[in-house]
Amino acid sequence: MIVKKKVTPSAAKSKPKKATFFPISSYPATLLAPIGKFLTDQIKRLEKHDKNLEEEDPFSDSSRIINNASPDTEAAEQFGHARSEALQKEIHRKLVQTRKALTKVKLGTYGTCESCGQMIDTDRLVVYPEAILCVACERKKERKK
């Protein structure tokens, strides 16, 4: 036997609704084209820098394994590897942000905060074109860390 539950209007109102964000306005294509080109060029620069760091990493040299280096050389290689690894991690983070911003340019949602849906301040976008969050949402995110 199936029992159907009757929903009263007051019960239906108490149900939480999902928030849907729509951009307040978007930037014209004439403004987005140079931003897209800048972000594309930025991606190329970051990928090139990443490749150079890979080549500079002392651990990428296969002859290093058979070489019994002195302790000071070993320490220098360890330091060089740690440096390369840290820089590559930062470059990969920037690549993800830049690709995300470029995708937003292509979708026409560039300049809209991913969290609250409000427009990101143009001064912020000039300084940090990869921004996907407005200043207020970025602060909230940083406080949570």
C-alpha atoms as a PDB file:
ATOM      1  CA  MET A   1       0.000   0.000   0.000  1.00  0.00           C
ATOM      2  CA  ILE A   2       1.403   3.393  -1.025  1.00  0.00           C
ATOM      3  CA  VAL A   3       0.656   6.361   1.178  1.00  0.00           C
ATOM      4  CA  LYS A   4       0.787   9.775  -0.429  1.00  0.00           C
ATOM      5  CA  LYS A   5       1.870  12.628   1.755  1.00  0.00           C
ATOM      6  CA  LYS A   6      -0.100  15.818   1.372  1.00  0.00           C
ATOM      7  CA  VAL A   7       2.098  18.919   1.026  1.00  0.00           C
ATOM      8  CA  THR A   8       0.733  22.072   2.546  1.00  0.00           C
ATOM      9  CA  PRO A   9       1.617  25.481   1.097  1.00  0.00           C
ATOM     10  CA  SER A  10       3.570  26.432   4.244  1.00  0.00           C
ATOM     11  CA  ALA A  11       5.698  23.248   3.997  1.00  0.00           C
ATOM     12  CA  ALA A  12       6.458  23.955   0.351  1.00  0.00           C
ATOM     13  CA  LYS A  13       7.666  27.466   1.209  1.00  0.00           C
ATOM     14  CA  SER A  14      10.118  26.245   3.851  1.00  0.00           C
ATOM     15  CA  LYS A  15      12.005  24.099   1.346  1.00  0.00           C
ATOM     16  CA  PRO A  16      15.379  25.743   0.532  1.00  0.00           C
ATOM     17  CA  LYS A  17      15.852  26.784  -3.056  1.00  0.00           C
ATOM     18  CA  LYS A  18      19.054  26.611  -5.019  1.00  0.00           C
ATOM     19  CA  ALA A  19      20.469  30.010  -5.862  1.00  0.00           C
ATOM     20  CA  THR A  20      21.038  30.681  -9.526  1.00  0.00           C
ATOM     21  CA  PHE A  21      23.428  33.452 -10.445  1.00  0.00           C
ATOM     22  CA  PHE A  22      23.206  35.395 -13.645  1.00  0.00           C
ATOM     23  CA  PRO A  23      25.737  38.038 -14.553  1.00  0.00           C
ATOM     24  CA  ILE A  24      24.432  41.552 -14.016  1.00  0.00           C
ATOM     25  CA  SER A  25      25.998  42.568 -17.299  1.00  0.00           C
ATOM     26  CA  SER A  26      28.843  41.389 -19.437  1.00  0.00           C
ATOM     27  CA  TYR A  27      31.646  43.171 -21.174  1.00  0.00           C
ATOM     28  CA  PRO A  28      31.366  43.885 -24.906  1.00  0.00           C
ATOM     29  CA  ALA A  29      33.217  41.615 -27.331  1.00  0.00           C
ATOM     30  CA  THR A  30      35.482  44.516 -28.343  1.00  0.00           C
ATOM     31  CA  LEU A  31      36.834  44.570 -24.777  1.00  0.00           C
ATOM     32  CA  LEU A  32      36.972  40.798 -24.368  1.00  0.00           C
ATOM     33  CA  ALA A  33      39.022  40.139 -27.535  1.00  0.00           C
ATOM     34  CA  PRO A  34      42.225  41.838 -26.262  1.00  0.00           C
ATOM     35  CA  ILE A  35      41.768  40.246 -22.845  1.00  0.00           C
ATOM     36  CA  GLY A  36      41.446  36.833 -24.486  1.00  0.00           C
ATOM     37  CA  LYS A  37      44.600  37.468 -26.509  1.00  0.00           C
ATOM     38  CA  PHE A  38      46.467  38.589 -23.386  1.00  0.00           C
ATOM     39  CA  LEU A  39      45.374  35.483 -21.474  1.00  0.00           C
ATOM     40  CA  THR A  40      46.337  33.215 -24.402  1.00  0.00           C
ATOM     41  CA  ASP A  41      49.778  34.842 -24.543  1.00  0.00           C
ATOM     42  CA  GLN A  42      50.058  34.482 -20.761  1.00  0.00           C
ATOM     43  CA  ILE A  43      49.354  30.741 -21.059  1.00  0.00           C
ATOM     44  CA  LYS A  44      52.081  30.381 -23.695  1.00  0.00           C
ATOM     45  CA  ARG A  45      54.573  32.255 -21.494  1.00  0.00           C
ATOM     46  CA  LEU A  46      53.727  30.144 -18.454  1.00  0.00           C
ATOM     47  CA  GLU A  47      54.007  26.880 -20.420  1.00  0.00           C
ATOM     48  CA  LYS A  48      57.388  27.976 -21.801  1.00  0.00           C
ATOM     49  CA  HIS A  49      58.605  28.920 -18.317  1.00  0.00           C
ATOM     50  CA  ASP A  50      57.383  25.562 -16.979  1.00  0.00           C
ATOM     51  CA  LYS A  51      59.292  23.704 -19.690  1.00  0.00           C
ATOM     52  CA  ASN A  52      62.465  25.691 -18.935  1.00  0.00           C
ATOM     53  CA  LEU A  53      62.154  24.870 -15.233  1.00  0.00           C
ATOM     54  CA  GLU A  54      61.778  21.179 -16.062  1.00  0.00           C
ATOM     55  CA  GLU A  55      65.000  21.302 -18.075  1.00  0.00           C
ATOM     56  CA  GLU A  56      66.844  23.228 -15.326  1.00  0.00           C
ATOM     57  CA  ASP A  57      65.798  20.764 -12.604  1.00  0.00           C
ATOM     58  CA  PRO A  58      68.962  18.921 -11.498  1.00  0.00           C
ATOM     59  CA  PHE A  59      66.925  15.745 -10.972  1.00  0.00           C
ATOM     60  CA  SER A  60      65.982  15.658 -14.659  1.00  0.00           C
ATOM     61  CA  ASP A  61      69.588  14.746 -15.546  1.00  0.00           C
ATOM     62  CA  SER A  62      69.639  10.935 -15.841  1.00  0.00           C
ATOM     63  CA  SER A  63      73.433  10.787 -15.426  1.00  0.00           C
ATOM     64  CA  ARG A  64      72.966  12.165 -11.923  1.00  0.00           C
ATOM     65  CA  ILE A  65      71.893   8.715 -10.667  1.00  0.00           C
ATOM     66  CA  ILE A  66      75.231   7.049 -11.436  1.00  0.00           C
ATOM     67  CA  ASN A  67      77.284  10.048 -10.351  1.00  0.00           C
ATOM     68  CA  ASN A  68      78.539   9.786  -6.755  1.00  0.00           C
ATOM     69  CA  ALA A  69      78.680  13.512  -6.085  1.00  0.00           C
ATOM     70  CA  SER A  70      80.234  15.158  -3.071  1.00  0.00           C
ATOM     71  CA  PRO A  71      77.877  16.207  -0.244  1.00  0.00           C
ATOM     72  CA  ASP A  72      77.970  19.872  -1.231  1.00  0.00           C
ATOM     73  CA  THR A  73      77.051  19.048  -4.829  1.00  0.00           C
ATOM     74  CA  GLU A  74      74.260  16.787  -3.601  1.00  0.00           C
ATOM     75  CA  ALA A  75      72.952  19.593  -1.368  1.00  0.00           C
ATOM     76  CA  ALA A  76      73.042  22.041  -4.283  1.00  0.00           C
ATOM     77  CA  GLU A  77      71.095  19.561  -6.422  1.00  0.00           C
ATOM     78  CA  GLN A  78      68.530  19.049  -3.654  1.00  0.00           C
ATOM     79  CA  PHE A  79      68.110  22.808  -3.306  1.00  0.00           C
ATOM     80  CA  GLY A  80      67.848  23.255  -7.076  1.00  0.00           C
ATOM     81  CA  HIS A  81      65.203  20.539  -7.284  1.00  0.00           C
ATOM     82  CA  ALA A  82      63.183  22.001  -4.394  1.00  0.00           C
ATOM     83  CA  ARG A  83      63.329  25.447  -6.015  1.00  0.00           C
ATOM     84  CA  SER A  84      62.237  24.092  -9.412  1.00  0.00           C
ATOM     85  CA  GLU A  85      59.448  22.083  -7.848  1.00  0.00           C
ATOM     86  CA  ALA A  86      58.093  25.073  -5.898  1.00  0.00           C
ATOM     87  CA  LEU A  87      58.194  27.339  -8.956  1.00  0.00           C
ATOM     88  CA  GLN A  88      56.512  24.693 -11.117  1.00  0.00           C
ATOM     89  CA  LYS A  89      53.746  24.283  -8.550  1.00  0.00           C
ATOM     90  CA  GLU A  90      53.088  28.034  -8.640  1.00  0.00           C
ATOM     91  CA  ILE A  91      53.169  28.067 -12.457  1.00  0.00           C
ATOM     92  CA  HIS A  92      50.678  25.186 -12.615  1.00  0.00           C
ATOM     93  CA  ARG A  93      48.365  27.078 -10.246  1.00  0.00           C
ATOM     94  CA  LYS A  94      48.599  30.192 -12.430  1.00  0.00           C
ATOM     95  CA  LEU A  95      48.000  28.117 -15.570  1.00  0.00           C
ATOM     96  CA  VAL A  96      44.778  26.730 -14.113  1.00  0.00           C
ATOM     97  CA  GLN A  97      43.597  30.233 -13.138  1.00  0.00           C
ATOM     98  CA  THR A  98      44.499  31.694 -16.520  1.00  0.00           C
ATOM     99  CA  ARG A  99      42.793  28.873 -18.446  1.00  0.00           C
ATOM    100  CA  LYS A 100      39.707  29.312 -16.277  1.00  0.00           C
ATOM    101  CA  ALA A 101      39.642  33.058 -17.012  1.00  0.00           C
ATOM    102  CA  LEU A 102      40.128  32.407 -20.748  1.00  0.00           C
ATOM    103  CA  THR A 103      37.206  29.977 -20.697  1.00  0.00           C
ATOM    104  CA  LYS A 104      35.092  32.662 -19.030  1.00  0.00           C
ATOM    105  CA  VAL A 105      36.103  35.094 -21.814  1.00  0.00           C
ATOM    106  CA  LYS A 106      34.989  32.576 -24.447  1.00  0.00           C
ATOM    107  CA  LEU A 107      31.684  31.930 -22.645  1.00  0.00           C
ATOM    108  CA  GLY A 108      31.048  35.645 -22.211  1.00  0.00           C
ATOM    109  CA  THR A 109      31.024  35.473 -18.414  1.00  0.00           C
ATOM    110  CA  TYR A 110      34.433  37.089 -17.865  1.00  0.00           C
ATOM    111  CA  GLY A 111      34.401  39.626 -15.049  1.00  0.00           C
ATOM    112  CA  THR A 112      31.606  37.879 -13.144  1.00  0.00           C
ATOM    113  CA  CYS A 113      32.386  36.501  -9.695  1.00  0.00           C
ATOM    114  CA  GLU A 114      32.019  32.712  -9.602  1.00  0.00           C
ATOM    115  CA  SER A 115      30.841  32.821  -6.010  1.00  0.00           C
ATOM    116  CA  CYS A 116      28.286  35.631  -5.753  1.00  0.00           C
ATOM    117  CA  GLY A 117      27.551  36.407  -9.411  1.00  0.00           C
ATOM    118  CA  GLN A 118      28.352  40.112  -9.091  1.00  0.00           C
ATOM    119  CA  MET A 119      30.646  41.946 -11.494  1.00  0.00           C
ATOM    120  CA  ILE A 120      34.320  41.984 -10.475  1.00  0.00           C
ATOM    121  CA  ASP A 121      35.707  45.488 -10.092  1.00  0.00           C
ATOM    122  CA  THR A 122      37.491  46.584 -13.276  1.00  0.00           C
ATOM    123  CA  ASP A 123      40.459  47.898 -11.260  1.00  0.00           C
ATOM    124  CA  ARG A 124      40.948  44.354  -9.927  1.00  0.00           C
ATOM    125  CA  LEU A 125      40.727  42.885 -13.438  1.00  0.00           C
ATOM    126  CA  VAL A 126      43.307  45.367 -14.740  1.00  0.00           C
ATOM    127  CA  VAL A 127      45.783  44.351 -12.041  1.00  0.00           C
ATOM    128  CA  TYR A 128      44.808  40.677 -11.941  1.00  0.00           C
ATOM    129  CA  PRO A 129      43.150  39.625 -15.233  1.00  0.00           C
ATOM    130  CA  GLU A 130      42.894  35.992 -14.092  1.00  0.00           C
ATOM    131  CA  ALA A 131      40.538  36.964 -11.245  1.00  0.00           C
ATOM    132  CA  ILE A 132      37.444  34.793 -11.014  1.00  0.00           C
ATOM    133  CA  LEU A 133      36.282  36.072  -7.614  1.00  0.00           C
ATOM    134  CA  CYS A 134      35.431  39.580  -6.475  1.00  0.00           C
ATOM    135  CA  VAL A 135      37.461  41.074  -3.626  1.00  0.00           C
ATOM    136  CA  ALA A 136      34.811  40.318  -0.992  1.00  0.00           C
ATOM    137  CA  CYS A 137      34.519  36.637  -1.982  1.00  0.00           C
ATOM    138  CA  GLU A 138      38.302  36.307  -2.232  1.00  0.00           C
ATOM    139  CA  ARG A 139      38.615  37.628   1.335  1.00  0.00           C
ATOM    140  CA  LYS A 140      35.998  35.143   2.556  1.00  0.00           C
ATOM    141  CA  LYS A 141      37.907  32.331   0.839  1.00  0.00           C
ATOM    142  CA  GLU A 142      41.211  33.428   2.409  1.00  0.00           C
ATOM    143  CA  ARG A 143      39.672  33.616   5.906  1.00  0.00           C
ATOM    144  CA  LYS A 144      38.460  30.023   5.569  1.00  0.00           C
ATOM    145  CA  LYS A 145      42.014  28.832   4.922  1.00  0.00           C
END
